[in-house]
Amino acid sequence: MTRIRNVALAFAAAIVTISPAAGGSPVALVEQLSGNPAGVEIMDYVETGRVIRLGARQTIVLSYLNSCTREAITGGTVTVGTDQSEVLSGKVERTKVPCDPGQASLAEEVAIQIAGRTFRGLKDQ
């Protein structure tokens, strides 16, 4: 009985730990990468609480949608925040960029109404 209870508690803790990051809305865009940090690619949107580990020579550039902050981060552990990142054991350079934070993202009601299709490699007829 104790073993089942411990497994159930461990499972519940894993769900609680994962769910805030999984259900959050994007707060920043990955503009540039150097090196190959695990789990992140160029043009990925990242949510609050996401942790990105960079090697000593790896860099990432994040643009925050609501605060108009652009960060160039080299090395260390990056934790994505709502307006800027928390960087441990790394170097960060922040700049403010001109933007209109109210226009950075679509309202959910509007976003679900928009669709598009791209065709590539079609032959002329």
PDB file of N, CA and C in Angstrom:
ATOM      1  N   MET A   1       0.813  -1.186   0.000  1.00  0.00           N
ATOM      2  CA  MET A   1       0.000   0.000   0.000  1.00  0.00           C
ATOM      3  C   MET A   1       0.865   1.262   0.000  1.00  0.00           C
ATOM      4  N   THR A   2       1.925   1.273   0.785  1.00  0.00           N
ATOM      5  CA  THR A   2       2.807   2.427   0.854  1.00  0.00           C
ATOM      6  C   THR A   2       3.496   2.657  -0.488  1.00  0.00           C
ATOM      7  N   ARG A   3       3.871   1.598  -1.152  1.00  0.00           N
ATOM      8  CA  ARG A   3       4.531   1.709  -2.451  1.00  0.00           C
ATOM      9  C   ARG A   3       3.593   2.352  -3.474  1.00  0.00           C
ATOM     10  N   ILE A   4       2.345   1.944  -3.496  1.00  0.00           N
ATOM     11  CA  ILE A   4       1.367   2.517  -4.424  1.00  0.00           C
ATOM     12  C   ILE A   4       1.151   3.994  -4.112  1.00  0.00           C
ATOM     13  N   ARG A   5       1.061   4.300  -2.838  1.00  0.00           N
ATOM     14  CA  ARG A   5       0.878   5.693  -2.431  1.00  0.00           C
ATOM     15  C   ARG A   5       2.068   6.550  -2.851  1.00  0.00           C
ATOM     16  N   ASN A   6       3.294   6.057  -2.680  1.00  0.00           N
ATOM     17  CA  ASN A   6       4.493   6.802  -3.079  1.00  0.00           C
ATOM     18  C   ASN A   6       4.545   7.022  -4.586  1.00  0.00           C
ATOM     19  N   VAL A   7       4.163   6.008  -5.355  1.00  0.00           N
ATOM     20  CA  VAL A   7       4.135   6.149  -6.817  1.00  0.00           C
ATOM     21  C   VAL A   7       3.085   7.178  -7.214  1.00  0.00           C
ATOM     22  N   ALA A   8       1.919   7.133  -6.573  1.00  0.00           N
ATOM     23  CA  ALA A   8       0.856   8.095  -6.877  1.00  0.00           C
ATOM     24  C   ALA A   8       1.295   9.520  -6.534  1.00  0.00           C
ATOM     25  N   LEU A   9       1.973   9.702  -5.409  1.00  0.00           N
ATOM     26  CA  LEU A   9       2.465  11.029  -5.025  1.00  0.00           C
ATOM     27  C   LEU A   9       3.533  11.535  -5.991  1.00  0.00           C
ATOM     28  N   ALA A  10       4.420  10.658  -6.414  1.00  0.00           N
ATOM     29  CA  ALA A  10       5.454  11.038  -7.373  1.00  0.00           C
ATOM     30  C   ALA A  10       4.829  11.445  -8.707  1.00  0.00           C
ATOM     31  N   PHE A  11       3.823  10.708  -9.141  1.00  0.00           N
ATOM     32  CA  PHE A  11       3.126  11.016 -10.387  1.00  0.00           C
ATOM     33  C   PHE A  11       2.427  12.367 -10.284  1.00  0.00           C
ATOM     34  N   ALA A  12       1.750  12.611  -9.168  1.00  0.00           N
ATOM     35  CA  ALA A  12       1.055  13.886  -8.964  1.00  0.00           C
ATOM     36  C   ALA A  12       2.052  15.045  -8.939  1.00  0.00           C
ATOM     37  N   ALA A  13       3.193  14.861  -8.307  1.00  0.00           N
ATOM     38  CA  ALA A  13       4.217  15.912  -8.257  1.00  0.00           C
ATOM     39  C   ALA A  13       4.752  16.216  -9.648  1.00  0.00           C
ATOM     40  N   ALA A  14       4.932  15.186 -10.475  1.00  0.00           N
ATOM     41  CA  ALA A  14       5.406  15.391 -11.844  1.00  0.00           C
ATOM     42  C   ALA A  14       4.395  16.196 -12.650  1.00  0.00           C
ATOM     43  N   ILE A  15       3.128  15.916 -12.492  1.00  0.00           N
ATOM     44  CA  ILE A  15       2.090  16.647 -13.221  1.00  0.00           C
ATOM     45  C   ILE A  15       2.064  18.101 -12.788  1.00  0.00           C
ATOM     46  N   VAL A  16       2.148  18.358 -11.490  1.00  0.00           N
ATOM     47  CA  VAL A  16       2.135  19.728 -10.980  1.00  0.00           C
ATOM     48  C   VAL A  16       3.352  20.491 -11.479  1.00  0.00           C
ATOM     49  N   THR A  17       4.512  19.829 -11.556  1.00  0.00           N
ATOM     50  CA  THR A  17       5.733  20.470 -12.014  1.00  0.00           C
ATOM     51  C   THR A  17       5.664  20.799 -13.493  1.00  0.00           C
ATOM     52  N   ILE A  18       5.101  19.922 -14.289  1.00  0.00           N
ATOM     53  CA  ILE A  18       5.070  20.103 -15.739  1.00  0.00           C
ATOM     54  C   ILE A  18       3.965  21.053 -16.187  1.00  0.00           C
ATOM     55  N   SER A  19       2.804  21.012 -15.582  1.00  0.00           N
ATOM     56  CA  SER A  19       1.645  21.719 -16.103  1.00  0.00           C
ATOM     57  C   SER A  19       1.762  23.232 -16.231  1.00  0.00           C
ATOM     58  N   PRO A  20       2.424  23.997 -15.353  1.00  0.00           N
ATOM     59  CA  PRO A  20       2.480  25.438 -15.578  1.00  0.00           C
ATOM     60  C   PRO A  20       3.183  25.812 -16.872  1.00  0.00           C
ATOM     61  N   ALA A  21       4.279  25.150 -17.202  1.00  0.00           N
ATOM     62  CA  ALA A  21       4.989  25.480 -18.428  1.00  0.00           C
ATOM     63  C   ALA A  21       4.238  24.991 -19.646  1.00  0.00           C
ATOM     64  N   ALA A  22       3.582  23.848 -19.538  1.00  0.00           N
ATOM     65  CA  ALA A  22       2.898  23.284 -20.688  1.00  0.00           C
ATOM     66  C   ALA A  22       1.668  24.086 -21.061  1.00  0.00           C
ATOM     67  N   GLY A  23       0.985  24.678 -20.090  1.00  0.00           N
ATOM     68  CA  GLY A  23      -0.254  25.362 -20.379  1.00  0.00           C
ATOM     69  C   GLY A  23      -0.109  26.860 -20.549  1.00  0.00           C
ATOM     70  N   GLY A  24       1.111  27.413 -20.392  1.00  0.00           N
ATOM     71  CA  GLY A  24       1.293  28.847 -20.467  1.00  0.00           C
ATOM     72  C   GLY A  24       1.267  29.356 -21.891  1.00  0.00           C
ATOM     73  N   SER A  25       1.055  30.647 -22.022  1.00  0.00           N
ATOM     74  CA  SER A  25       1.102  31.230 -23.346  1.00  0.00           C
ATOM     75  C   SER A  25       2.511  31.752 -23.617  1.00  0.00           C
ATOM     76  N   PRO A  26       2.889  31.839 -24.880  1.00  0.00           N
ATOM     77  CA  PRO A  26       4.235  32.281 -25.238  1.00  0.00           C
ATOM     78  C   PRO A  26       4.511  33.710 -24.773  1.00  0.00           C
ATOM     79  N   VAL A  27       5.716  33.942 -24.262  1.00  0.00           N
ATOM     80  CA  VAL A  27       6.105  35.280 -23.827  1.00  0.00           C
ATOM     81  C   VAL A  27       7.318  35.811 -24.585  1.00  0.00           C
ATOM     82  N   ALA A  28       8.054  34.909 -25.263  1.00  0.00           N
ATOM     83  CA  ALA A  28       9.255  35.340 -25.981  1.00  0.00           C
ATOM     84  C   ALA A  28       9.472  34.477 -27.221  1.00  0.00           C
ATOM     85  N   LEU A  29      10.222  35.042 -28.152  1.00  0.00           N
ATOM     86  CA  LEU A  29      10.562  34.367 -29.402  1.00  0.00           C
ATOM     87  C   LEU A  29      12.071  34.157 -29.455  1.00  0.00           C
ATOM     88  N   VAL A  30      12.504  32.957 -29.862  1.00  0.00           N
ATOM     89  CA  VAL A  30      13.927  32.669 -30.037  1.00  0.00           C
ATOM     90  C   VAL A  30      14.322  33.206 -31.411  1.00  0.00           C
ATOM     91  N   GLU A  31      15.104  34.280 -31.427  1.00  0.00           N
ATOM     92  CA  GLU A  31      15.519  34.911 -32.688  1.00  0.00           C
ATOM     93  C   GLU A  31      16.768  34.281 -33.277  1.00  0.00           C
ATOM     94  N   GLN A  32      17.737  33.972 -32.421  1.00  0.00           N
ATOM     95  CA  GLN A  32      19.013  33.433 -32.895  1.00  0.00           C
ATOM     96  C   GLN A  32      19.528  32.403 -31.918  1.00  0.00           C
ATOM     97  N   LEU A  33      20.326  31.471 -32.453  1.00  0.00           N
ATOM     98  CA  LEU A  33      21.010  30.460 -31.638  1.00  0.00           C
ATOM     99  C   LEU A  33      22.389  30.234 -32.199  1.00  0.00           C
ATOM    100  N   SER A  34      23.344  29.983 -31.334  1.00  0.00           N
ATOM    101  CA  SER A  34      24.630  29.466 -31.777  1.00  0.00           C
ATOM    102  C   SER A  34      24.918  28.251 -30.917  1.00  0.00           C
ATOM    103  N   GLY A  35      25.535  27.285 -31.494  1.00  0.00           N
ATOM    104  CA  GLY A  35      25.667  26.009 -30.814  1.00  0.00           C
ATOM    105  C   GLY A  35      24.392  25.224 -31.057  1.00  0.00           C
ATOM    106  N   ASN A  36      24.137  24.266 -30.237  1.00  0.00           N
ATOM    107  CA  ASN A  36      22.952  23.430 -30.417  1.00  0.00           C
ATOM    108  C   ASN A  36      22.318  23.119 -29.068  1.00  0.00           C
ATOM    109  N   PRO A  37      21.756  24.133 -28.379  1.00  0.00           N
ATOM    110  CA  PRO A  37      21.139  23.878 -27.072  1.00  0.00           C
ATOM    111  C   PRO A  37      19.975  22.894 -27.214  1.00  0.00           C
ATOM    112  N   ALA A  38      19.880  21.972 -26.282  1.00  0.00           N
ATOM    113  CA  ALA A  38      18.843  20.938 -26.334  1.00  0.00           C
ATOM    114  C   ALA A  38      17.449  21.524 -26.137  1.00  0.00           C
ATOM    115  N   GLY A  39      16.517  21.079 -26.967  1.00  0.00           N
ATOM    116  CA  GLY A  39      15.104  21.398 -26.784  1.00  0.00           C
ATOM    117  C   GLY A  39      14.649  22.762 -27.245  1.00  0.00           C
ATOM    118  N   VAL A  40      15.482  23.499 -27.969  1.00  0.00           N
ATOM    119  CA  VAL A  40      15.078  24.821 -28.442  1.00  0.00           C
ATOM    120  C   VAL A  40      15.630  25.048 -29.852  1.00  0.00           C
ATOM    121  N   GLU A  41      14.832  25.705 -30.682  1.00  0.00           N
ATOM    122  CA  GLU A  41      15.232  25.992 -32.058  1.00  0.00           C
ATOM    123  C   GLU A  41      14.912  27.435 -32.394  1.00  0.00           C
ATOM    124  N   ILE A  42      15.501  27.923 -33.476  1.00  0.00           N
ATOM    125  CA  ILE A  42      15.215  29.270 -33.944  1.00  0.00           C
ATOM    126  C   ILE A  42      13.732  29.374 -34.290  1.00  0.00           C
ATOM    127  N   MET A  43      13.132  30.497 -33.941  1.00  0.00           N
ATOM    128  CA  MET A  43      11.723  30.825 -34.184  1.00  0.00           C
ATOM    129  C   MET A  43      10.760  30.050 -33.289  1.00  0.00           C
ATOM    130  N   ASP A  44      11.261  29.424 -32.225  1.00  0.00           N
ATOM    131  CA  ASP A  44      10.386  28.810 -31.220  1.00  0.00           C
ATOM    132  C   ASP A  44       9.827  29.906 -30.326  1.00  0.00           C
ATOM    133  N   TYR A  45       8.576  29.755 -29.932  1.00  0.00           N
ATOM    134  CA  TYR A  45       8.008  30.588 -28.881  1.00  0.00           C
ATOM    135  C   TYR A  45       8.224  29.850 -27.572  1.00  0.00           C
ATOM    136  N   VAL A  46       8.627  30.580 -26.531  1.00  0.00           N
ATOM    137  CA  VAL A  46       8.877  29.958 -25.234  1.00  0.00           C
ATOM    138  C   VAL A  46       7.954  30.570 -24.181  1.00  0.00           C
ATOM    139  N   GLU A  47       7.587  29.742 -23.211  1.00  0.00           N
ATOM    140  CA  GLU A  47       6.654  30.143 -22.160  1.00  0.00           C
ATOM    141  C   GLU A  47       7.404  30.493 -20.879  1.00  0.00           C
ATOM    142  N   THR A  48       6.718  31.212 -20.013  1.00  0.00           N
ATOM    143  CA  THR A  48       7.255  31.540 -18.697  1.00  0.00           C
ATOM    144  C   THR A  48       7.595  30.259 -17.949  1.00  0.00           C
ATOM    145  N   GLY A  49       8.754  30.242 -17.314  1.00  0.00           N
ATOM    146  CA  GLY A  49       9.181  29.083 -16.540  1.00  0.00           C
ATOM    147  C   GLY A  49      10.039  28.106 -17.310  1.00  0.00           C
ATOM    148  N   ARG A  50      10.142  28.243 -18.608  1.00  0.00           N
ATOM    149  CA  ARG A  50      10.968  27.340 -19.424  1.00  0.00           C
ATOM    150  C   ARG A  50      12.425  27.525 -19.049  1.00  0.00           C
ATOM    151  N   VAL A  51      13.136  26.424 -18.876  1.00  0.00           N
ATOM    152  CA  VAL A  51      14.555  26.454 -18.521  1.00  0.00           C
ATOM    153  C   VAL A  51      15.360  25.990 -19.728  1.00  0.00           C
ATOM    154  N   ILE A  52      16.352  26.800 -20.107  1.00  0.00           N
ATOM    155  CA  ILE A  52      17.231  26.498 -21.243  1.00  0.00           C
ATOM    156  C   ILE A  52      18.651  26.480 -20.722  1.00  0.00           C
ATOM    157  N   ARG A  53      19.347  25.378 -20.935  1.00  0.00           N
ATOM    158  CA  ARG A  53      20.735  25.261 -20.474  1.00  0.00           C
ATOM    159  C   ARG A  53      21.674  25.471 -21.659  1.00  0.00           C
ATOM    160  N   LEU A  54      22.577  26.431 -21.497  1.00  0.00           N
ATOM    161  CA  LEU A  54      23.527  26.765 -22.553  1.00  0.00           C
ATOM    162  C   LEU A  54      24.936  26.373 -22.141  1.00  0.00           C
ATOM    163  N   GLY A  55      25.691  25.847 -23.092  1.00  0.00           N
ATOM    164  CA  GLY A  55      27.102  25.594 -22.862  1.00  0.00           C
ATOM    165  C   GLY A  55      27.852  26.916 -22.789  1.00  0.00           C
ATOM    166  N   ALA A  56      29.108  26.882 -22.389  1.00  0.00           N
ATOM    167  CA  ALA A  56      29.893  28.098 -22.177  1.00  0.00           C
ATOM    168  C   ALA A  56      29.965  28.987 -23.418  1.00  0.00           C
ATOM    169  N   ARG A  57      29.966  28.395 -24.604  1.00  0.00           N
ATOM    170  CA  ARG A  57      30.087  29.184 -25.840  1.00  0.00           C
ATOM    171  C   ARG A  57      28.778  29.264 -26.630  1.00  0.00           C
ATOM    172  N   GLN A  58      27.726  28.711 -26.094  1.00  0.00           N
ATOM    173  CA  GLN A  58      26.435  28.769 -26.785  1.00  0.00           C
ATOM    174  C   GLN A  58      25.734  30.082 -26.468  1.00  0.00           C
ATOM    175  N   THR A  59      25.032  30.624 -27.462  1.00  0.00           N
ATOM    176  CA  THR A  59      24.283  31.861 -27.252  1.00  0.00           C
ATOM    177  C   THR A  59      22.848  31.702 -27.752  1.00  0.00           C
ATOM    178  N   ILE A  60      21.978  32.519 -27.180  1.00  0.00           N
ATOM    179  CA  ILE A  60      20.577  32.567 -27.584  1.00  0.00           C
ATOM    180  C   ILE A  60      20.143  34.032 -27.540  1.00  0.00           C
ATOM    181  N   VAL A  61      19.314  34.416 -28.488  1.00  0.00           N
ATOM    182  CA  VAL A  61      18.728  35.757 -28.480  1.00  0.00           C
ATOM    183  C   VAL A  61      17.224  35.588 -28.349  1.00  0.00           C
ATOM    184  N   LEU A  62      16.670  36.161 -27.276  1.00  0.00           N
ATOM    185  CA  LEU A  62      15.235  36.109 -27.008  1.00  0.00           C
ATOM    186  C   LEU A  62      14.638  37.501 -27.144  1.00  0.00           C
ATOM    187  N   SER A  63      13.478  37.580 -27.783  1.00  0.00           N
ATOM    188  CA  SER A  63      12.726  38.832 -27.855  1.00  0.00           C
ATOM    189  C   SER A  63      11.423  38.643 -27.103  1.00  0.00           C
ATOM    190  N   TYR A  64      11.256  39.431 -26.053  1.00  0.00           N
ATOM    191  CA  TYR A  64      10.044  39.339 -25.235  1.00  0.00           C
ATOM    192  C   TYR A  64       8.916  40.137 -25.890  1.00  0.00           C
ATOM    193  N   LEU A  65       7.755  39.517 -25.989  1.00  0.00           N
ATOM    194  CA  LEU A  65       6.633  40.093 -26.717  1.00  0.00           C
ATOM    195  C   LEU A  65       5.982  41.271 -25.997  1.00  0.00           C
ATOM    196  N   ASN A  66       5.873  41.229 -24.688  1.00  0.00           N
ATOM    197  CA  ASN A  66       5.151  42.269 -23.958  1.00  0.00           C
ATOM    198  C   ASN A  66       6.024  43.383 -23.405  1.00  0.00           C
ATOM    199  N   SER A  67       7.287  43.112 -23.155  1.00  0.00           N
ATOM    200  CA  SER A  67       8.148  44.136 -22.552  1.00  0.00           C
ATOM    201  C   SER A  67       9.053  44.804 -23.575  1.00  0.00           C
ATOM    202  N   CYS A  68       9.045  44.327 -24.823  1.00  0.00           N
ATOM    203  CA  CYS A  68       9.902  44.891 -25.876  1.00  0.00           C
ATOM    204  C   CYS A  68      11.379  44.814 -25.490  1.00  0.00           C
ATOM    205  N   THR A  69      11.746  43.768 -24.769  1.00  0.00           N
ATOM    206  CA  THR A  69      13.124  43.538 -24.348  1.00  0.00           C
ATOM    207  C   THR A  69      13.732  42.472 -25.237  1.00  0.00           C
ATOM    208  N   ARG A  70      14.949  42.735 -25.702  1.00  0.00           N
ATOM    209  CA  ARG A  70      15.706  41.767 -26.498  1.00  0.00           C
ATOM    210  C   ARG A  70      16.937  41.402 -25.684  1.00  0.00           C
ATOM    211  N   GLU A  71      17.141  40.094 -25.495  1.00  0.00           N
ATOM    212  CA  GLU A  71      18.260  39.618 -24.686  1.00  0.00           C
ATOM    213  C   GLU A  71      19.205  38.763 -25.526  1.00  0.00           C
ATOM    214  N   ALA A  72      20.492  39.049 -25.426  1.00  0.00           N
ATOM    215  CA  ALA A  72      21.532  38.200 -26.001  1.00  0.00           C
ATOM    216  C   ALA A  72      22.223  37.531 -24.820  1.00  0.00           C
ATOM    217  N   ILE A  73      22.090  36.213 -24.728  1.00  0.00           N
ATOM    218  CA  ILE A  73      22.578  35.477 -23.557  1.00  0.00           C
ATOM    219  C   ILE A  73      23.649  34.493 -24.009  1.00  0.00           C
ATOM    220  N   THR A  74      24.762  34.473 -23.298  1.00  0.00           N
ATOM    221  CA  THR A  74      25.849  33.539 -23.580  1.00  0.00           C
ATOM    222  C   THR A  74      26.107  32.690 -22.349  1.00  0.00           C
ATOM    223  N   GLY A  75      25.989  31.373 -22.514  1.00  0.00           N
ATOM    224  CA  GLY A  75      26.285  30.425 -21.446  1.00  0.00           C
ATOM    225  C   GLY A  75      25.310  30.495 -20.290  1.00  0.00           C
ATOM    226  N   GLY A  76      25.373  29.486 -19.431  1.00  0.00           N
ATOM    227  CA  GLY A  76      24.592  29.479 -18.206  1.00  0.00           C
ATOM    228  C   GLY A  76      23.228  28.835 -18.331  1.00  0.00           C
ATOM    229  N   THR A  77      22.433  29.030 -17.298  1.00  0.00           N
ATOM    230  CA  THR A  77      21.072  28.489 -17.238  1.00  0.00           C
ATOM    231  C   THR A  77      20.102  29.648 -17.327  1.00  0.00           C
ATOM    232  N   VAL A  78      19.212  29.575 -18.310  1.00  0.00           N
ATOM    233  CA  VAL A  78      18.257  30.639 -18.577  1.00  0.00           C
ATOM    234  C   VAL A  78      16.872  30.170 -18.150  1.00  0.00           C
ATOM    235  N   THR A  79      16.211  30.957 -17.302  1.00  0.00           N
ATOM    236  CA  THR A  79      14.822  30.690 -16.946  1.00  0.00           C
ATOM    237  C   THR A  79      13.989  31.828 -17.510  1.00  0.00           C
ATOM    238  N   VAL A  80      13.070  31.479 -18.407  1.00  0.00           N
ATOM    239  CA  VAL A  80      12.241  32.470 -19.086  1.00  0.00           C
ATOM    240  C   VAL A  80      11.255  33.071 -18.086  1.00  0.00           C
ATOM    241  N   GLY A  81      11.213  34.396 -18.026  1.00  0.00           N
ATOM    242  CA  GLY A  81      10.278  35.101 -17.155  1.00  0.00           C
ATOM    243  C   GLY A  81       9.156  35.731 -17.966  1.00  0.00           C
ATOM    244  N   THR A  82       8.384  36.601 -17.361  1.00  0.00           N
ATOM    245  CA  THR A  82       7.300  37.250 -18.096  1.00  0.00           C
ATOM    246  C   THR A  82       7.789  38.446 -18.902  1.00  0.00           C
ATOM    247  N   ASP A  83       8.776  39.199 -18.371  1.00  0.00           N
ATOM    248  CA  ASP A  83       9.296  40.378 -19.060  1.00  0.00           C
ATOM    249  C   ASP A  83      10.775  40.294 -19.397  1.00  0.00           C
ATOM    250  N   GLN A  84      11.490  39.404 -18.714  1.00  0.00           N
ATOM    251  CA  GLN A  84      12.913  39.173 -18.984  1.00  0.00           C
ATOM    252  C   GLN A  84      13.315  37.849 -18.355  1.00  0.00           C
ATOM    253  N   SER A  85      14.493  37.356 -18.736  1.00  0.00           N
ATOM    254  CA  SER A  85      14.978  36.072 -18.247  1.00  0.00           C
ATOM    255  C   SER A  85      15.801  36.228 -16.989  1.00  0.00           C
ATOM    256  N   GLU A  86      15.860  35.152 -16.227  1.00  0.00           N
ATOM    257  CA  GLU A  86      16.800  35.058 -15.111  1.00  0.00           C
ATOM    258  C   GLU A  86      17.945  34.201 -15.617  1.00  0.00           C
ATOM    259  N   VAL A  87      19.167  34.712 -15.523  1.00  0.00           N
ATOM    260  CA  VAL A  87      20.327  34.012 -16.068  1.00  0.00           C
ATOM    261  C   VAL A  87      21.307  33.724 -14.947  1.00  0.00           C
ATOM    262  N   LEU A  88      21.639  32.438 -14.764  1.00  0.00           N
ATOM    263  CA  LEU A  88      22.616  32.022 -13.757  1.00  0.00           C
ATOM    264  C   LEU A  88      23.878  31.543 -14.461  1.00  0.00           C
ATOM    265  N   SER A  89      25.020  31.997 -14.000  1.00  0.00           N
ATOM    266  CA  SER A  89      26.335  31.586 -14.513  1.00  0.00           C
ATOM    267  C   SER A  89      26.511  31.893 -15.990  1.00  0.00           C
ATOM    268  N   GLY A  90      25.871  32.918 -16.478  1.00  0.00           N
ATOM    269  CA  GLY A  90      26.002  33.314 -17.872  1.00  0.00           C
ATOM    270  C   GLY A  90      26.065  34.823 -17.991  1.00  0.00           C
ATOM    271  N   LYS A  91      26.185  35.282 -19.218  1.00  0.00           N
ATOM    272  CA  LYS A  91      26.271  36.713 -19.488  1.00  0.00           C
ATOM    273  C   LYS A  91      25.043  37.118 -20.298  1.00  0.00           C
ATOM    274  N   VAL A  92      24.382  38.217 -19.911  1.00  0.00           N
ATOM    275  CA  VAL A  92      23.195  38.678 -20.624  1.00  0.00           C
ATOM    276  C   VAL A  92      23.333  40.158 -20.962  1.00  0.00           C
ATOM    277  N   GLU A  93      22.975  40.512 -22.191  1.00  0.00           N
ATOM    278  CA  GLU A  93      22.931  41.910 -22.616  1.00  0.00           C
ATOM    279  C   GLU A  93      21.497  42.202 -23.031  1.00  0.00           C
ATOM    280  N   ARG A  94      20.875  43.154 -22.342  1.00  0.00           N
ATOM    281  CA  ARG A  94      19.471  43.502 -22.617  1.00  0.00           C
ATOM    282  C   ARG A  94      19.393  44.853 -23.323  1.00  0.00           C
ATOM    283  N   THR A  95      18.500  44.926 -24.302  1.00  0.00           N
ATOM    284  CA  THR A  95      18.212  46.185 -24.970  1.00  0.00           C
ATOM    285  C   THR A  95      16.705  46.312 -25.130  1.00  0.00           C
ATOM    286  N   LYS A  96      16.231  47.536 -25.080  1.00  0.00           N
ATOM    287  CA  LYS A  96      14.823  47.812 -25.369  1.00  0.00           C
ATOM    288  C   LYS A  96      14.719  48.075 -26.863  1.00  0.00           C
ATOM    289  N   VAL A  97      13.724  47.489 -27.490  1.00  0.00           N
ATOM    290  CA  VAL A  97      13.513  47.686 -28.917  1.00  0.00           C
ATOM    291  C   VAL A  97      12.157  48.349 -29.123  1.00  0.00           C
ATOM    292  N   PRO A  98      12.031  49.160 -30.167  1.00  0.00           N
ATOM    293  CA  PRO A  98      10.737  49.791 -30.417  1.00  0.00           C
ATOM    294  C   PRO A  98       9.711  48.741 -30.845  1.00  0.00           C
ATOM    295  N   CYS A  99       8.597  48.714 -30.160  1.00  0.00           N
ATOM    296  CA  CYS A  99       7.522  47.790 -30.519  1.00  0.00           C
ATOM    297  C   CYS A  99       6.238  48.260 -29.866  1.00  0.00           C
ATOM    298  N   ASP A 100       5.148  47.673 -30.264  1.00  0.00           N
ATOM    299  CA  ASP A 100       3.852  47.969 -29.667  1.00  0.00           C
ATOM    300  C   ASP A 100       3.387  46.696 -28.979  1.00  0.00           C
ATOM    301  N   PRO A 101       3.623  46.579 -27.655  1.00  0.00           N
ATOM    302  CA  PRO A 101       3.313  45.327 -26.969  1.00  0.00           C
ATOM    303  C   PRO A 101       1.851  44.916 -27.070  1.00  0.00           C
ATOM    304  N   GLY A 102       0.952  45.848 -27.256  1.00  0.00           N
ATOM    305  CA  GLY A 102      -0.459  45.495 -27.390  1.00  0.00           C
ATOM    306  C   GLY A 102      -0.744  44.765 -28.687  1.00  0.00           C
ATOM    307  N   GLN A 103       0.138  44.928 -29.677  1.00  0.00           N
ATOM    308  CA  GLN A 103      -0.059  44.300 -30.975  1.00  0.00           C
ATOM    309  C   GLN A 103       0.826  43.067 -31.172  1.00  0.00           C
ATOM    310  N   ALA A 104       1.563  42.661 -30.143  1.00  0.00           N
ATOM    311  CA  ALA A 104       2.522  41.566 -30.275  1.00  0.00           C
ATOM    312  C   ALA A 104       1.867  40.206 -30.404  1.00  0.00           C
ATOM    313  N   SER A 105       0.656  40.059 -29.924  1.00  0.00           N
ATOM    314  CA  SER A 105      -0.013  38.765 -30.031  1.00  0.00           C
ATOM    315  C   SER A 105      -1.499  38.985 -30.287  1.00  0.00           C
ATOM    316  N   LEU A 106      -2.116  37.971 -30.843  1.00  0.00           N
ATOM    317  CA  LEU A 106      -3.538  38.036 -31.153  1.00  0.00           C
ATOM    318  C   LEU A 106      -4.370  37.554 -29.983  1.00  0.00           C
ATOM    319  N   ALA A 107      -5.542  38.133 -29.845  1.00  0.00           N
ATOM    320  CA  ALA A 107      -6.482  37.615 -28.856  1.00  0.00           C
ATOM    321  C   ALA A 107      -6.901  36.220 -29.296  1.00  0.00           C
ATOM    322  N   GLU A 108      -7.177  35.348 -28.356  1.00  0.00           N
ATOM    323  CA  GLU A 108      -7.514  33.959 -28.674  1.00  0.00           C
ATOM    324  C   GLU A 108      -8.705  33.857 -29.613  1.00  0.00           C
ATOM    325  N   GLU A 109      -9.713  34.737 -29.429  1.00  0.00           N
ATOM    326  CA  GLU A 109     -10.900  34.677 -30.280  1.00  0.00           C
ATOM    327  C   GLU A 109     -10.543  34.951 -31.739  1.00  0.00           C
ATOM    328  N   VAL A 110      -9.598  35.855 -31.963  1.00  0.00           N
ATOM    329  CA  VAL A 110      -9.190  36.207 -33.322  1.00  0.00           C
ATOM    330  C   VAL A 110      -8.251  35.151 -33.886  1.00  0.00           C
ATOM    331  N   ALA A 111      -7.350  34.656 -33.068  1.00  0.00           N
ATOM    332  CA  ALA A 111      -6.344  33.702 -33.534  1.00  0.00           C
ATOM    333  C   ALA A 111      -6.967  32.427 -34.083  1.00  0.00           C
ATOM    334  N   ILE A 112      -8.070  31.977 -33.521  1.00  0.00           N
ATOM    335  CA  ILE A 112      -8.670  30.730 -34.006  1.00  0.00           C
ATOM    336  C   ILE A 112      -9.447  30.924 -35.307  1.00  0.00           C
ATOM    337  N   GLN A 113      -9.649  32.167 -35.711  1.00  0.00           N
ATOM    338  CA  GLN A 113     -10.380  32.445 -36.945  1.00  0.00           C
ATOM    339  C   GLN A 113      -9.458  32.605 -38.143  1.00  0.00           C
ATOM    340  N   ILE A 114      -8.156  32.636 -37.925  1.00  0.00           N
ATOM    341  CA  ILE A 114      -7.210  32.893 -38.996  1.00  0.00           C
ATOM    342  C   ILE A 114      -6.561  31.579 -39.427  1.00  0.00           C
ATOM    343  N   ALA A 115      -6.476  31.402 -40.734  1.00  0.00           N
ATOM    344  CA  ALA A 115      -5.836  30.210 -41.280  1.00  0.00           C
ATOM    345  C   ALA A 115      -5.125  30.587 -42.568  1.00  0.00           C
ATOM    346  N   GLY A 116      -4.248  29.743 -43.005  1.00  0.00           N
ATOM    347  CA  GLY A 116      -3.539  29.990 -44.251  1.00  0.00           C
ATOM    348  C   GLY A 116      -2.983  28.695 -44.798  1.00  0.00           C
ATOM    349  N   ARG A 117      -2.571  28.731 -46.050  1.00  0.00           N
ATOM    350  CA  ARG A 117      -2.003  27.550 -46.692  1.00  0.00           C
ATOM    351  C   ARG A 117      -0.906  28.013 -47.625  1.00  0.00           C
ATOM    352  N   THR A 118       0.207  27.308 -47.605  1.00  0.00           N
ATOM    353  CA  THR A 118       1.337  27.614 -48.470  1.00  0.00           C
ATOM    354  C   THR A 118       1.600  26.430 -49.372  1.00  0.00           C
ATOM    355  N   PHE A 119       1.779  26.724 -50.645  1.00  0.00           N
ATOM    356  CA  PHE A 119       2.115  25.683 -51.617  1.00  0.00           C
ATOM    357  C   PHE A 119       3.505  25.948 -52.159  1.00  0.00           C
ATOM    358  N   ARG A 120       4.328  24.921 -52.162  1.00  0.00           N
ATOM    359  CA  ARG A 120       5.675  25.050 -52.683  1.00  0.00           C
ATOM    360  C   ARG A 120       5.922  23.967 -53.713  1.00  0.00           C
ATOM    361  N   GLY A 121       6.677  24.308 -54.709  1.00  0.00           N
ATOM    362  CA  GLY A 121       7.078  23.309 -55.681  1.00  0.00           C
ATOM    363  C   GLY A 121       5.996  22.914 -56.664  1.00  0.00           C
ATOM    364  N   LEU A 122       4.956  23.716 -56.836  1.00  0.00           N
ATOM    365  CA  LEU A 122       3.926  23.401 -57.812  1.00  0.00           C
ATOM    366  C   LEU A 122       4.398  23.747 -59.205  1.00  0.00           C
ATOM    367  N   LYS A 123       4.071  22.917 -60.137  1.00  0.00           N
ATOM    368  CA  LYS A 123       4.444  23.160 -61.528  1.00  0.00           C
ATOM    369  C   LYS A 123       3.424  24.083 -62.172  1.00  0.00           C
ATOM    370  N   ASP A 124       3.911  24.953 -63.053  1.00  0.00           N
ATOM    371  CA  ASP A 124       2.998  25.811 -63.821  1.00  0.00           C
ATOM    372  C   ASP A 124       2.184  24.969 -64.773  1.00  0.00           C
ATOM    373  N   GLN A 125       0.925  25.316 -64.955  1.00  0.00           N
ATOM    374  CA  GLN A 125       0.066  24.516 -65.845  1.00  0.00           C
ATOM    375  C   GLN A 125      -0.315  25.258 -67.068  1.00  0.00           C
TER     376      GLN A 125
END
